[in-house]
Amino acid sequence: MVLLALERSARDITPPELKLLSNLAMQTTLALERERHAHALREQQAGLEREVQQRTAELEQANLATQNLNQELATKLEQVQQLNGSLTLVDRVRDGLLATASHELRTPLSIILSSLEIIRGEWNDRLPTQGQHLLEICERNSTLLLSLVSDLLDMAALRSSQVQLNRQKVPPSPLVQQ
């Protein structure tokens, strides 16, 4: 049609031909506009696809890092649980050793204190002053040691929950006087 118009340029264009040319120009403009919009849409879609791919890659990296951290945490938790088990065993062995040692020390100390009491009762008058002084020192130190051993036994019993506490309200004045 455009060729037809060019061939006839020497004469006037008829109104139907003018309408046809106008329609062709409008359709061409619309087609060009539609193609421009389609091109812009394709560009925008390609940009969005690139952004989605980039963010997906970032998320995959973050997910991998999270998985690594979770694995490290699981390993650390396992180590802590093993150490806790070891500490519990060490605690039991210590308490057992403490109780055994305390019992083994209490018996000889009781015998030593009994012997010192016998010596004081039967031999005190026959001992020189220095001997009496040494006897007092032995009795005082043996009593102190027996008190420490008893405290260790009490502590071992408390730690192993063999002692039940009887909680009750007590006025503080008798405790202060003790």
Foldseek 3Di string as FASTA:
>chain_A
DVVVCVVCVVDDDDVVVVVVVVVVVVVVVVVVVVVVVVVVVVVVVVVVVVVVVVVVVVVVVVVVVVVVVVVVVVVVVVVVVVVVVVVVVVVVVVLVVLQVVLVVLLVVLVVQLVVLVVCCVPPVVVDDPVVNVVSVVSNVVSVVVNVVSVVSNVVSCVVVVVDDDDDDDDDCVVVVVD
